[in-house]
Amino acid sequence: MSKKPKKTYRVDIISDECKGCGRCIIACPKKVLDMSSKLNFMGTTFSVYQGSGCIGCGGCFYSCPEPGAISIIEITEDEAEDDDGIQ
């Protein structure tokens, strides 16, 4: 029987869609989102993913008032190995 691959997640945020309201940061139970010090094209700060720790709960996605600004991406162990160059 084959072992089920371990799932991890990441958050993709389109900076130019983000209005900087911070709702996603508040909604995240693992606190893996933060506000950037950079500005987007509208001149507002935007949310950024810190790079690890997402559990894929979707709290950020559901709290965001801007449709399409946030996506939760599921990454299997096989995909993560490909990203690291390990095969």
N, C-alpha and C. Protein backbone atom coordinates (compact mmCIF):
# COMPACT_ATOMS: atom_id res chain seq x y z
N MET A 1 0.83 -1.18 0.00
CA MET A 1 0.00 0.00 0.00
C MET A 1 0.87 1.24 0.00
N SER A 2 0.56 2.19 -0.85
CA SER A 2 1.37 3.40 -0.93
C SER A 2 0.99 4.38 0.18
N LYS A 3 2.00 5.09 0.63
CA LYS A 3 1.81 6.08 1.69
C LYS A 3 1.16 7.33 1.10
N LYS A 4 0.19 7.89 1.81
CA LYS A 4 -0.48 9.10 1.37
C LYS A 4 0.48 10.28 1.53
N PRO A 5 0.67 11.08 0.46
CA PRO A 5 1.60 12.21 0.57
C PRO A 5 1.12 13.25 1.57
N LYS A 6 2.07 13.82 2.30
CA LYS A 6 1.76 14.85 3.28
C LYS A 6 1.38 16.14 2.56
N LYS A 7 0.32 16.79 3.02
CA LYS A 7 -0.13 18.03 2.40
C LYS A 7 0.37 19.23 3.19
N THR A 8 0.85 20.20 2.46
CA THR A 8 1.18 21.49 3.05
C THR A 8 0.49 22.54 2.18
N TYR A 9 0.46 23.74 2.66
CA TYR A 9 -0.27 24.80 1.97
C TYR A 9 0.55 26.06 1.93
N ARG A 10 0.20 26.91 0.99
CA ARG A 10 0.79 28.25 0.94
C ARG A 10 -0.31 29.23 0.54
N VAL A 11 -0.08 30.48 0.87
CA VAL A 11 -1.04 31.53 0.56
C VAL A 11 -0.45 32.39 -0.56
N ASP A 12 -1.22 32.57 -1.61
CA ASP A 12 -0.84 33.49 -2.68
C ASP A 12 -1.71 34.74 -2.58
N ILE A 13 -1.06 35.88 -2.47
CA ILE A 13 -1.78 37.16 -2.37
C ILE A 13 -1.35 38.04 -3.54
N ILE A 14 -2.31 38.51 -4.30
CA ILE A 14 -2.03 39.44 -5.39
C ILE A 14 -1.95 40.83 -4.78
N SER A 15 -0.75 41.35 -4.70
CA SER A 15 -0.52 42.61 -3.98
C SER A 15 -1.33 43.77 -4.55
N ASP A 16 -1.50 43.81 -5.85
CA ASP A 16 -2.23 44.93 -6.45
C ASP A 16 -3.74 44.81 -6.28
N GLU A 17 -4.23 43.67 -5.82
CA GLU A 17 -5.65 43.50 -5.51
C GLU A 17 -5.94 43.79 -4.04
N CYS A 18 -4.91 43.72 -3.20
CA CYS A 18 -5.07 43.90 -1.76
C CYS A 18 -5.26 45.38 -1.43
N LYS A 19 -6.23 45.66 -0.57
CA LYS A 19 -6.50 47.04 -0.15
C LYS A 19 -5.88 47.37 1.21
N GLY A 20 -5.18 46.40 1.80
CA GLY A 20 -4.49 46.64 3.05
C GLY A 20 -5.39 46.73 4.27
N CYS A 21 -6.56 46.11 4.24
CA CYS A 21 -7.49 46.21 5.37
C CYS A 21 -7.03 45.39 6.58
N GLY A 22 -6.23 44.34 6.34
CA GLY A 22 -5.70 43.53 7.43
C GLY A 22 -6.63 42.46 7.97
N ARG A 23 -7.79 42.29 7.36
CA ARG A 23 -8.74 41.26 7.84
C ARG A 23 -8.14 39.86 7.77
N CYS A 24 -7.39 39.58 6.72
CA CYS A 24 -6.79 38.26 6.58
C CYS A 24 -5.76 38.00 7.69
N ILE A 25 -5.02 39.02 8.05
CA ILE A 25 -4.01 38.89 9.11
C ILE A 25 -4.68 38.55 10.43
N ILE A 26 -5.78 39.21 10.72
CA ILE A 26 -6.52 38.96 11.96
C ILE A 26 -7.15 37.56 11.94
N ALA A 27 -7.64 37.13 10.76
CA ALA A 27 -8.35 35.85 10.65
C ALA A 27 -7.43 34.63 10.70
N CYS A 28 -6.14 34.80 10.45
CA CYS A 28 -5.22 33.67 10.37
C CYS A 28 -4.91 33.10 11.77
N PRO A 29 -5.30 31.83 12.03
CA PRO A 29 -5.04 31.25 13.35
C PRO A 29 -3.56 30.96 13.61
N LYS A 30 -2.78 30.79 12.57
CA LYS A 30 -1.35 30.49 12.71
C LYS A 30 -0.47 31.72 12.60
N LYS A 31 -1.08 32.88 12.32
CA LYS A 31 -0.36 34.16 12.23
C LYS A 31 0.81 34.10 11.23
N VAL A 32 0.53 33.57 10.03
CA VAL A 32 1.56 33.47 9.00
C VAL A 32 1.47 34.58 7.96
N LEU A 33 0.57 35.54 8.19
CA LEU A 33 0.44 36.69 7.29
C LEU A 33 0.89 37.94 8.02
N ASP A 34 1.42 38.88 7.26
CA ASP A 34 1.90 40.13 7.83
C ASP A 34 1.64 41.24 6.82
N MET A 35 1.75 42.47 7.26
CA MET A 35 1.58 43.61 6.36
C MET A 35 2.96 43.99 5.81
N SER A 36 3.04 44.16 4.51
CA SER A 36 4.29 44.55 3.86
C SER A 36 4.61 46.02 4.17
N SER A 37 5.87 46.33 4.11
CA SER A 37 6.26 47.74 4.26
C SER A 37 6.29 48.44 2.89
N LYS A 38 6.11 47.65 1.82
CA LYS A 38 6.08 48.22 0.47
C LYS A 38 4.66 48.67 0.13
N LEU A 39 4.53 49.43 -0.93
CA LEU A 39 3.23 49.91 -1.39
C LEU A 39 2.88 49.28 -2.73
N ASN A 40 1.59 49.03 -2.94
CA ASN A 40 1.15 48.53 -4.24
C ASN A 40 0.84 49.72 -5.15
N PHE A 41 0.26 49.46 -6.32
CA PHE A 41 0.03 50.55 -7.29
C PHE A 41 -0.99 51.56 -6.80
N MET A 42 -1.83 51.18 -5.80
CA MET A 42 -2.80 52.13 -5.26
C MET A 42 -2.21 52.97 -4.13
N GLY A 43 -0.97 52.68 -3.78
CA GLY A 43 -0.31 53.44 -2.72
C GLY A 43 -0.64 52.96 -1.32
N THR A 44 -1.13 51.70 -1.20
CA THR A 44 -1.44 51.14 0.12
C THR A 44 -0.52 49.96 0.40
N THR A 45 -0.30 49.70 1.67
CA THR A 45 0.43 48.49 2.03
C THR A 45 -0.46 47.30 1.74
N PHE A 46 0.13 46.12 1.68
CA PHE A 46 -0.62 44.92 1.35
C PHE A 46 -0.14 43.75 2.20
N SER A 47 -0.98 42.74 2.31
CA SER A 47 -0.65 41.55 3.08
C SER A 47 0.33 40.66 2.33
N VAL A 48 1.19 39.99 3.08
CA VAL A 48 2.15 39.05 2.50
C VAL A 48 2.19 37.78 3.35
N TYR A 49 2.47 36.68 2.69
CA TYR A 49 2.64 35.39 3.36
C TYR A 49 4.08 35.28 3.82
N GLN A 50 4.30 34.82 5.04
CA GLN A 50 5.64 34.76 5.61
C GLN A 50 6.46 33.56 5.11
N GLY A 51 5.83 32.65 4.37
CA GLY A 51 6.61 31.59 3.73
C GLY A 51 6.40 30.19 4.22
N SER A 52 5.87 30.00 5.41
CA SER A 52 5.61 28.64 5.90
C SER A 52 4.61 28.70 7.06
N GLY A 53 4.00 27.56 7.31
CA GLY A 53 3.11 27.44 8.45
C GLY A 53 1.63 27.45 8.13
N CYS A 54 1.26 27.69 6.87
CA CYS A 54 -0.16 27.72 6.50
C CYS A 54 -0.77 26.33 6.67
N ILE A 55 -1.95 26.26 7.30
CA ILE A 55 -2.64 24.99 7.49
C ILE A 55 -3.80 24.80 6.52
N GLY A 56 -4.00 25.76 5.65
CA GLY A 56 -5.03 25.64 4.61
C GLY A 56 -6.45 25.80 5.10
N CYS A 57 -6.65 26.50 6.19
CA CYS A 57 -8.00 26.64 6.77
C CYS A 57 -8.91 27.55 5.95
N GLY A 58 -8.33 28.50 5.21
CA GLY A 58 -9.12 29.40 4.38
C GLY A 58 -9.64 30.62 5.11
N GLY A 59 -9.25 30.83 6.35
CA GLY A 59 -9.71 32.00 7.10
C GLY A 59 -9.39 33.30 6.40
N CYS A 60 -8.20 33.39 5.84
CA CYS A 60 -7.80 34.60 5.12
C CYS A 60 -8.64 34.78 3.87
N PHE A 61 -8.86 33.72 3.15
CA PHE A 61 -9.64 33.75 1.90
C PHE A 61 -11.07 34.23 2.17
N TYR A 62 -11.70 33.65 3.19
CA TYR A 62 -13.10 33.98 3.48
C TYR A 62 -13.28 35.36 4.11
N SER A 63 -12.25 35.88 4.76
CA SER A 63 -12.37 37.19 5.39
C SER A 63 -12.04 38.34 4.44
N CYS A 64 -11.43 38.03 3.31
CA CYS A 64 -11.01 39.07 2.38
C CYS A 64 -12.20 39.64 1.60
N PRO A 65 -12.37 40.97 1.63
CA PRO A 65 -13.48 41.58 0.90
C PRO A 65 -13.22 41.73 -0.60
N GLU A 66 -12.00 41.47 -1.02
CA GLU A 66 -11.63 41.64 -2.43
C GLU A 66 -11.58 40.27 -3.13
N PRO A 67 -12.57 39.97 -3.96
CA PRO A 67 -12.61 38.65 -4.62
C PRO A 67 -11.37 38.42 -5.49
N GLY A 68 -10.75 37.30 -5.30
CA GLY A 68 -9.59 36.93 -6.11
C GLY A 68 -8.26 37.42 -5.61
N ALA A 69 -8.22 38.15 -4.52
CA ALA A 69 -6.94 38.66 -4.03
C ALA A 69 -6.13 37.58 -3.33
N ILE A 70 -6.79 36.62 -2.70
CA ILE A 70 -6.11 35.58 -1.93
C ILE A 70 -6.50 34.21 -2.44
N SER A 71 -5.49 33.35 -2.59
CA SER A 71 -5.71 31.95 -2.96
C SER A 71 -4.93 31.08 -1.99
N ILE A 72 -5.51 29.94 -1.64
CA ILE A 72 -4.82 28.94 -0.83
C ILE A 72 -4.40 27.83 -1.78
N ILE A 73 -3.11 27.52 -1.83
CA ILE A 73 -2.57 26.52 -2.73
C ILE A 73 -2.14 25.30 -1.92
N GLU A 74 -2.63 24.13 -2.30
CA GLU A 74 -2.24 22.88 -1.65
C GLU A 74 -1.00 22.33 -2.34
N ILE A 75 0.00 21.97 -1.54
CA ILE A 75 1.24 21.43 -2.07
C ILE A 75 1.45 20.04 -1.49
N THR A 76 1.59 19.04 -2.35
CA THR A 76 1.86 17.69 -1.87
C THR A 76 3.36 17.54 -1.65
N GLU A 77 3.74 16.49 -0.94
CA GLU A 77 5.14 16.24 -0.65
C GLU A 77 5.94 16.09 -1.94
N ASP A 78 5.34 15.45 -2.95
CA ASP A 78 6.02 15.25 -4.24
C ASP A 78 6.32 16.59 -4.91
N GLU A 79 5.37 17.53 -4.88
CA GLU A 79 5.58 18.85 -5.48
C GLU A 79 6.65 19.63 -4.73
N ALA A 80 6.66 19.49 -3.40
CA ALA A 80 7.64 20.21 -2.59
C ALA A 80 9.05 19.71 -2.92
N GLU A 81 9.21 18.40 -3.16
CA GLU A 81 10.51 17.85 -3.52
C GLU A 81 10.95 18.40 -4.86
N ASP A 82 10.02 18.52 -5.81
CA ASP A 82 10.36 19.06 -7.13
C ASP A 82 10.83 20.49 -7.03
N ASP A 83 10.23 21.28 -6.14
CA ASP A 83 10.63 22.66 -5.94
C ASP A 83 12.04 22.79 -5.38
N ASP A 84 12.44 21.79 -4.58
CA ASP A 84 13.76 21.82 -3.97
C ASP A 84 14.85 21.26 -4.89
N GLY A 85 14.43 20.72 -6.04
CA GLY A 85 15.40 20.14 -6.95
C GLY A 85 15.72 18.69 -6.61
N ILE A 86 15.07 18.12 -5.64
CA ILE A 86 15.29 16.73 -5.24
C ILE A 86 14.32 15.85 -6.00
N GLN A 87 14.82 14.79 -6.60
CA GLN A 87 13.94 13.89 -7.34
C GLN A 87 14.18 12.46 -6.98
